[in-house]
Amino acid sequence: MIDIVDAKFVTSAADINGAPTSEEQNEVVFMARSNVGKSSLLNALSNHKGLAKVSSTPGKTRLINYFDVTFMDRDDSSKTVVKFVDLPGFGYAKVSKSIKYDWEKNLTDYISQRKQIKLFIHLIDCRHPHLDIDKSVSDFLLEHADETQQIMQIFTKIDKLNQKEQNALKKEFPQALMVSSSKKRGLQKIVTIIYDILKGAADE
């Protein structure tokens, strides 16, 4: 069994130039439009309620936040440290156009140029699976992720759907994962998959 046993804030950066220096490809990037539950998921995965700040004002966070996260394989007690990267929520319009442009340019530069990224995790609100902005982000990732990088799609707030709606979503998006941070559903599966992907990169 794989568990996250420690998580701590490392630093914040406004753009790729302020990102931590590293030779390892061990970064897991979490990205979502505002108010999809990204901070809640980060806190739930890490068992650390205050790790990522849950803001009542969508789009408030404009920095890229880095966390050192320690995974433990309970079978042999081995530990692996990876970086979780919390990107600002995209598609939030209540900032000036100049700030919005700089902000989004910084994020696109980071996504397309940061070679330390191993896994992109794109979070989507399960109640709104067909928004144009999420389609644009999916297309952007597919275009810019290289052969060493992987993309994972996760639908959040799955507890808001009934079983019939969940089944329909799974049928339409068979590769996606489903999670409810508040109900602790799907968390263990996500932790294990992230670990396997990062461990595979370390063993290459």
C-alpha atoms as a PDB file:
ATOM      1  CA  MET A   1       0.000   0.000   0.000  1.00  0.00           C
ATOM      2  CA  ILE A   2       1.208   3.475  -0.905  1.00  0.00           C
ATOM      3  CA  ASP A   3       0.625   6.405   1.465  1.00  0.00           C
ATOM      4  CA  ILE A   4       1.588  10.061   1.568  1.00  0.00           C
ATOM      5  CA  VAL A   5       3.271  10.465   4.951  1.00  0.00           C
ATOM      6  CA  ASP A   6       4.545  14.037   4.805  1.00  0.00           C
ATOM      7  CA  ALA A   7       3.951  17.224   2.840  1.00  0.00           C
ATOM      8  CA  LYS A   8       5.390  20.688   3.262  1.00  0.00           C
ATOM      9  CA  PHE A   9       5.380  23.992   1.426  1.00  0.00           C
ATOM     10  CA  VAL A  10       8.668  24.778  -0.350  1.00  0.00           C
ATOM     11  CA  THR A  11       8.359  28.026  -2.272  1.00  0.00           C
ATOM     12  CA  SER A  12       6.241  30.158  -4.604  1.00  0.00           C
ATOM     13  CA  ALA A  13       7.190  31.495  -8.028  1.00  0.00           C
ATOM     14  CA  ALA A  14       5.581  34.010 -10.346  1.00  0.00           C
ATOM     15  CA  ASP A  15       6.896  32.267 -13.458  1.00  0.00           C
ATOM     16  CA  ILE A  16       9.250  29.584 -14.728  1.00  0.00           C
ATOM     17  CA  ASN A  17      12.301  31.718 -13.923  1.00  0.00           C
ATOM     18  CA  GLY A  18      11.518  31.467 -10.212  1.00  0.00           C
ATOM     19  CA  ALA A  19      10.980  27.699 -10.230  1.00  0.00           C
ATOM     20  CA  PRO A  20      13.253  25.553  -8.041  1.00  0.00           C
ATOM     21  CA  THR A  21      16.365  24.233  -9.742  1.00  0.00           C
ATOM     22  CA  SER A  22      16.322  20.474 -10.145  1.00  0.00           C
ATOM     23  CA  GLU A  23      17.798  17.779 -12.345  1.00  0.00           C
ATOM     24  CA  GLU A  24      14.989  15.351 -11.550  1.00  0.00           C
ATOM     25  CA  GLN A  25      11.800  14.886 -13.523  1.00  0.00           C
ATOM     26  CA  ASN A  26       9.688  14.572 -10.395  1.00  0.00           C
ATOM     27  CA  GLU A  27       7.043  17.288 -10.572  1.00  0.00           C
ATOM     28  CA  VAL A  28       3.308  16.631 -10.504  1.00  0.00           C
ATOM     29  CA  VAL A  29       1.362  19.648 -11.731  1.00  0.00           C
ATOM     30  CA  PHE A  30      -2.219  20.207 -10.569  1.00  0.00           C
ATOM     31  CA  MET A  31      -4.247  22.487 -12.810  1.00  0.00           C
ATOM     32  CA  ALA A  32      -7.914  23.462 -12.925  1.00  0.00           C
ATOM     33  CA  ARG A  33     -10.165  26.373 -13.585  1.00  0.00           C
ATOM     34  CA  SER A  34     -11.048  28.320 -10.471  1.00  0.00           C
ATOM     35  CA  ASN A  35     -13.347  26.762  -7.865  1.00  0.00           C
ATOM     36  CA  VAL A  36     -13.099  23.151  -9.077  1.00  0.00           C
ATOM     37  CA  GLY A  37     -11.693  21.932  -5.752  1.00  0.00           C
ATOM     38  CA  LYS A  38      -7.972  21.815  -6.487  1.00  0.00           C
ATOM     39  CA  SER A  39      -6.820  23.018  -3.065  1.00  0.00           C
ATOM     40  CA  SER A  40      -9.253  20.677  -1.322  1.00  0.00           C
ATOM     41  CA  LEU A  41      -7.896  17.732  -3.311  1.00  0.00           C
ATOM     42  CA  LEU A  42      -4.270  18.633  -2.540  1.00  0.00           C
ATOM     43  CA  ASN A  43      -5.122  18.818   1.151  1.00  0.00           C
ATOM     44  CA  ALA A  44      -7.070  15.546   1.061  1.00  0.00           C
ATOM     45  CA  LEU A  45      -4.351  13.639  -0.806  1.00  0.00           C
ATOM     46  CA  SER A  46      -1.663  14.831   1.601  1.00  0.00           C
ATOM     47  CA  ASN A  47      -3.775  14.481   4.779  1.00  0.00           C
ATOM     48  CA  HIS A  48      -2.760  18.052   5.515  1.00  0.00           C
ATOM     49  CA  LYS A  49      -5.744  20.379   5.922  1.00  0.00           C
ATOM     50  CA  GLY A  50      -3.772  23.587   5.601  1.00  0.00           C
ATOM     51  CA  LEU A  51      -1.267  22.611   2.928  1.00  0.00           C
ATOM     52  CA  ALA A  52      -2.965  24.430   0.058  1.00  0.00           C
ATOM     53  CA  LYS A  53      -4.986  27.502   0.922  1.00  0.00           C
ATOM     54  CA  VAL A  54      -8.676  27.126   0.093  1.00  0.00           C
ATOM     55  CA  SER A  55      -9.767  30.587  -0.970  1.00  0.00           C
ATOM     56  CA  SER A  56     -13.320  31.878  -0.916  1.00  0.00           C
ATOM     57  CA  THR A  57     -12.321  34.201  -3.757  1.00  0.00           C
ATOM     58  CA  PRO A  58     -11.759  32.209  -6.970  1.00  0.00           C
ATOM     59  CA  GLY A  59      -8.660  33.247  -8.869  1.00  0.00           C
ATOM     60  CA  LYS A  60      -7.020  34.920  -5.886  1.00  0.00           C
ATOM     61  CA  THR A  61      -3.833  32.843  -6.047  1.00  0.00           C
ATOM     62  CA  ARG A  62      -1.597  33.982  -8.888  1.00  0.00           C
ATOM     63  CA  LEU A  63       1.625  32.246  -7.895  1.00  0.00           C
ATOM     64  CA  ILE A  64       2.916  28.770  -8.694  1.00  0.00           C
ATOM     65  CA  ASN A  65       3.225  26.963  -5.345  1.00  0.00           C
ATOM     66  CA  TYR A  66       5.607  24.052  -4.713  1.00  0.00           C
ATOM     67  CA  PHE A  67       5.285  21.341  -2.081  1.00  0.00           C
ATOM     68  CA  ASP A  68       7.635  18.498  -1.172  1.00  0.00           C
ATOM     69  CA  VAL A  69       5.488  15.383  -0.769  1.00  0.00           C
ATOM     70  CA  THR A  70       6.819  12.136   0.702  1.00  0.00           C
ATOM     71  CA  PHE A  71       5.319   8.848  -0.478  1.00  0.00           C
ATOM     72  CA  MET A  72       5.899   5.636   1.481  1.00  0.00           C
ATOM     73  CA  ASP A  73       5.580   2.090   0.184  1.00  0.00           C
ATOM     74  CA  ARG A  74       4.235   0.255   3.237  1.00  0.00           C
ATOM     75  CA  ASP A  75       5.510  -3.076   1.899  1.00  0.00           C
ATOM     76  CA  ASP A  76       9.167  -2.150   2.296  1.00  0.00           C
ATOM     77  CA  SER A  77       8.996   1.232   4.108  1.00  0.00           C
ATOM     78  CA  SER A  78      10.846   2.929   1.232  1.00  0.00           C
ATOM     79  CA  LYS A  79      10.216   6.640   0.781  1.00  0.00           C
ATOM     80  CA  THR A  80      10.085   8.749  -2.368  1.00  0.00           C
ATOM     81  CA  VAL A  81       9.942  12.551  -2.368  1.00  0.00           C
ATOM     82  CA  VAL A  82       8.233  14.304  -5.272  1.00  0.00           C
ATOM     83  CA  LYS A  83       7.114  17.861  -5.892  1.00  0.00           C
ATOM     84  CA  PHE A  84       3.443  18.756  -6.123  1.00  0.00           C
ATOM     85  CA  VAL A  85       3.004  21.965  -8.102  1.00  0.00           C
ATOM     86  CA  ASP A  86      -0.179  23.973  -7.563  1.00  0.00           C
ATOM     87  CA  LEU A  87      -0.853  26.209 -10.564  1.00  0.00           C
ATOM     88  CA  PRO A  88      -3.160  29.228 -10.271  1.00  0.00           C
ATOM     89  CA  GLY A  89      -6.716  28.591 -11.379  1.00  0.00           C
ATOM     90  CA  PHE A  90      -7.171  29.426 -15.046  1.00  0.00           C
ATOM     91  CA  GLY A  91     -10.013  31.163 -16.795  1.00  0.00           C
ATOM     92  CA  TYR A  92     -10.761  33.679 -14.091  1.00  0.00           C
ATOM     93  CA  ALA A  93     -11.688  37.038 -15.579  1.00  0.00           C
ATOM     94  CA  LYS A  94     -12.022  39.421 -12.597  1.00  0.00           C
ATOM     95  CA  VAL A  95      -8.533  40.841 -12.932  1.00  0.00           C
ATOM     96  CA  SER A  96      -7.307  43.530 -15.292  1.00  0.00           C
ATOM     97  CA  LYS A  97      -6.605  42.432 -18.859  1.00  0.00           C
ATOM     98  CA  SER A  98      -2.889  43.169 -18.530  1.00  0.00           C
ATOM     99  CA  ILE A  99      -2.574  41.047 -15.369  1.00  0.00           C
ATOM    100  CA  LYS A 100      -4.639  38.293 -16.940  1.00  0.00           C
ATOM    101  CA  TYR A 101      -2.417  38.276 -20.039  1.00  0.00           C
ATOM    102  CA  ASP A 102       0.843  38.153 -18.059  1.00  0.00           C
ATOM    103  CA  TRP A 103      -0.563  35.544 -15.710  1.00  0.00           C
ATOM    104  CA  GLU A 104      -1.744  33.226 -18.484  1.00  0.00           C
ATOM    105  CA  LYS A 105       1.467  33.709 -20.486  1.00  0.00           C
ATOM    106  CA  ASN A 106       3.507  32.720 -17.424  1.00  0.00           C
ATOM    107  CA  LEU A 107       1.412  29.561 -17.002  1.00  0.00           C
ATOM    108  CA  THR A 108       1.603  28.544 -20.654  1.00  0.00           C
ATOM    109  CA  ASP A 109       5.371  29.141 -20.665  1.00  0.00           C
ATOM    110  CA  TYR A 110       5.712  27.033 -17.547  1.00  0.00           C
ATOM    111  CA  ILE A 111       3.620  24.160 -18.882  1.00  0.00           C
ATOM    112  CA  SER A 112       5.325  24.063 -22.264  1.00  0.00           C
ATOM    113  CA  GLN A 113       8.930  24.620 -21.099  1.00  0.00           C
ATOM    114  CA  ARG A 114       9.323  23.026 -17.645  1.00  0.00           C
ATOM    115  CA  LYS A 115      11.017  19.694 -18.354  1.00  0.00           C
ATOM    116  CA  GLN A 116      10.981  18.641 -14.676  1.00  0.00           C
ATOM    117  CA  ILE A 117       7.244  17.971 -14.998  1.00  0.00           C
ATOM    118  CA  LYS A 118       6.469  14.253 -15.153  1.00  0.00           C
ATOM    119  CA  LEU A 119       2.695  14.323 -14.704  1.00  0.00           C
ATOM    120  CA  PHE A 120       0.009  16.877 -15.547  1.00  0.00           C
ATOM    121  CA  ILE A 121      -3.184  16.447 -13.523  1.00  0.00           C
ATOM    122  CA  HIS A 122      -6.116  18.305 -15.086  1.00  0.00           C
ATOM    123  CA  LEU A 123      -9.056  18.617 -12.684  1.00  0.00           C
ATOM    124  CA  ILE A 124     -12.584  19.059 -14.030  1.00  0.00           C
ATOM    125  CA  ASP A 125     -15.804  19.629 -12.100  1.00  0.00           C
ATOM    126  CA  CYS A 126     -17.878  16.503 -12.801  1.00  0.00           C
ATOM    127  CA  ARG A 127     -21.027  18.617 -13.075  1.00  0.00           C
ATOM    128  CA  HIS A 128     -19.541  20.626 -15.979  1.00  0.00           C
ATOM    129  CA  PRO A 129     -17.544  18.142 -18.080  1.00  0.00           C
ATOM    130  CA  HIS A 130     -17.873  19.916 -21.443  1.00  0.00           C
ATOM    131  CA  LEU A 131     -16.708  23.488 -20.841  1.00  0.00           C
ATOM    132  CA  ASP A 132     -14.772  25.054 -23.711  1.00  0.00           C
ATOM    133  CA  ILE A 133     -11.988  26.172 -21.373  1.00  0.00           C
ATOM    134  CA  ASP A 134     -11.324  22.607 -20.198  1.00  0.00           C
ATOM    135  CA  LYS A 135     -11.331  21.388 -23.793  1.00  0.00           C
ATOM    136  CA  SER A 136      -8.768  24.079 -24.608  1.00  0.00           C
ATOM    137  CA  VAL A 137      -6.568  23.029 -21.684  1.00  0.00           C
ATOM    138  CA  SER A 138      -6.782  19.356 -22.709  1.00  0.00           C
ATOM    139  CA  ASP A 139      -5.808  20.246 -26.281  1.00  0.00           C
ATOM    140  CA  PHE A 140      -2.941  22.439 -25.045  1.00  0.00           C
ATOM    141  CA  LEU A 141      -1.546  19.646 -22.867  1.00  0.00           C
ATOM    142  CA  LEU A 142      -1.771  17.096 -25.656  1.00  0.00           C
ATOM    143  CA  GLU A 143       0.065  19.504 -27.940  1.00  0.00           C
ATOM    144  CA  HIS A 144       2.843  20.439 -25.502  1.00  0.00           C
ATOM    145  CA  ALA A 145       3.478  17.362 -23.326  1.00  0.00           C
ATOM    146  CA  ASP A 146       6.491  15.446 -24.592  1.00  0.00           C
ATOM    147  CA  GLU A 147       6.936  11.671 -24.714  1.00  0.00           C
ATOM    148  CA  THR A 148       8.361  11.571 -21.164  1.00  0.00           C
ATOM    149  CA  GLN A 149       5.340  13.344 -19.654  1.00  0.00           C
ATOM    150  CA  GLN A 150       1.910  11.956 -18.807  1.00  0.00           C
ATOM    151  CA  ILE A 151      -1.526  13.554 -18.521  1.00  0.00           C
ATOM    152  CA  MET A 152      -4.186  12.504 -16.031  1.00  0.00           C
ATOM    153  CA  GLN A 153      -7.771  13.745 -16.061  1.00  0.00           C
ATOM    154  CA  ILE A 154      -9.650  13.738 -12.748  1.00  0.00           C
ATOM    155  CA  PHE A 155     -13.291  14.651 -12.234  1.00  0.00           C
ATOM    156  CA  THR A 156     -13.847  16.296  -8.844  1.00  0.00           C
ATOM    157  CA  LYS A 157     -16.905  16.521  -6.572  1.00  0.00           C
ATOM    158  CA  ILE A 158     -18.177  13.150  -7.781  1.00  0.00           C
ATOM    159  CA  ASP A 159     -20.418  12.934  -4.705  1.00  0.00           C
ATOM    160  CA  LYS A 160     -22.589  15.591  -6.367  1.00  0.00           C
ATOM    161  CA  LEU A 161     -23.712  13.081  -9.033  1.00  0.00           C
ATOM    162  CA  ASN A 162     -26.047  10.144  -8.584  1.00  0.00           C
ATOM    163  CA  GLN A 163     -24.955   6.661  -9.642  1.00  0.00           C
ATOM    164  CA  LYS A 164     -26.586   6.883 -13.064  1.00  0.00           C
ATOM    165  CA  GLU A 165     -24.831  10.182 -13.790  1.00  0.00           C
ATOM    166  CA  GLN A 166     -21.508   8.764 -12.580  1.00  0.00           C
ATOM    167  CA  ASN A 167     -21.873   5.740 -14.846  1.00  0.00           C
ATOM    168  CA  ALA A 168     -22.607   7.960 -17.847  1.00  0.00           C
ATOM    169  CA  LEU A 169     -19.534  10.087 -17.105  1.00  0.00           C
ATOM    170  CA  LYS A 170     -17.311   7.009 -16.787  1.00  0.00           C
ATOM    171  CA  LYS A 171     -18.626   5.702 -20.092  1.00  0.00           C
ATOM    172  CA  GLU A 172     -17.897   8.992 -21.858  1.00  0.00           C
ATOM    173  CA  PHE A 173     -14.461   9.454 -20.232  1.00  0.00           C
ATOM    174  CA  PRO A 174     -13.190   5.904 -19.586  1.00  0.00           C
ATOM    175  CA  GLN A 175      -9.588   6.995 -18.905  1.00  0.00           C
ATOM    176  CA  ALA A 176     -10.519   9.629 -16.326  1.00  0.00           C
ATOM    177  CA  LEU A 177     -10.510   9.144 -12.559  1.00  0.00           C
ATOM    178  CA  MET A 178     -13.281  10.190 -10.195  1.00  0.00           C
ATOM    179  CA  VAL A 179     -12.741  11.761  -6.782  1.00  0.00           C
ATOM    180  CA  SER A 180     -14.596  13.330  -3.886  1.00  0.00           C
ATOM    181  CA  SER A 181     -12.311  15.157  -1.477  1.00  0.00           C
ATOM    182  CA  SER A 182     -15.068  15.697   1.077  1.00  0.00           C
ATOM    183  CA  LYS A 183     -16.148  12.034   1.072  1.00  0.00           C
ATOM    184  CA  LYS A 184     -12.564  10.682   0.726  1.00  0.00           C
ATOM    185  CA  ARG A 185     -13.531   8.733  -2.385  1.00  0.00           C
ATOM    186  CA  GLY A 186     -10.937   7.838  -4.998  1.00  0.00           C
ATOM    187  CA  LEU A 187      -7.996   9.296  -3.075  1.00  0.00           C
ATOM    188  CA  GLN A 188      -6.061   6.056  -2.530  1.00  0.00           C
ATOM    189  CA  LYS A 189      -6.245   5.152  -6.203  1.00  0.00           C
ATOM    190  CA  ILE A 190      -4.880   8.551  -7.220  1.00  0.00           C
ATOM    191  CA  VAL A 191      -2.016   8.348  -4.700  1.00  0.00           C
ATOM    192  CA  THR A 192      -1.037   4.904  -5.986  1.00  0.00           C
ATOM    193  CA  ILE A 193      -1.145   5.910  -9.666  1.00  0.00           C
ATOM    194  CA  ILE A 194       0.921   9.056  -9.043  1.00  0.00           C
ATOM    195  CA  TYR A 195       3.485   6.989  -7.136  1.00  0.00           C
ATOM    196  CA  ASP A 196       3.691   4.344  -9.874  1.00  0.00           C
ATOM    197  CA  ILE A 197       4.199   6.983 -12.577  1.00  0.00           C
ATOM    198  CA  LEU A 198       6.907   8.833 -10.625  1.00  0.00           C
ATOM    199  CA  LYS A 199       8.584   5.630  -9.455  1.00  0.00           C
ATOM    200  CA  GLY A 200       8.674   4.416 -13.032  1.00  0.00           C
ATOM    201  CA  ALA A 201      10.410   7.650 -14.054  1.00  0.00           C
ATOM    202  CA  ALA A 202      12.988   7.239 -11.272  1.00  0.00           C
ATOM    203  CA  ASP A 203      13.733   3.642 -12.296  1.00  0.00           C
ATOM    204  CA  GLU A 204      14.293   4.464 -15.981  1.00  0.00           C
END
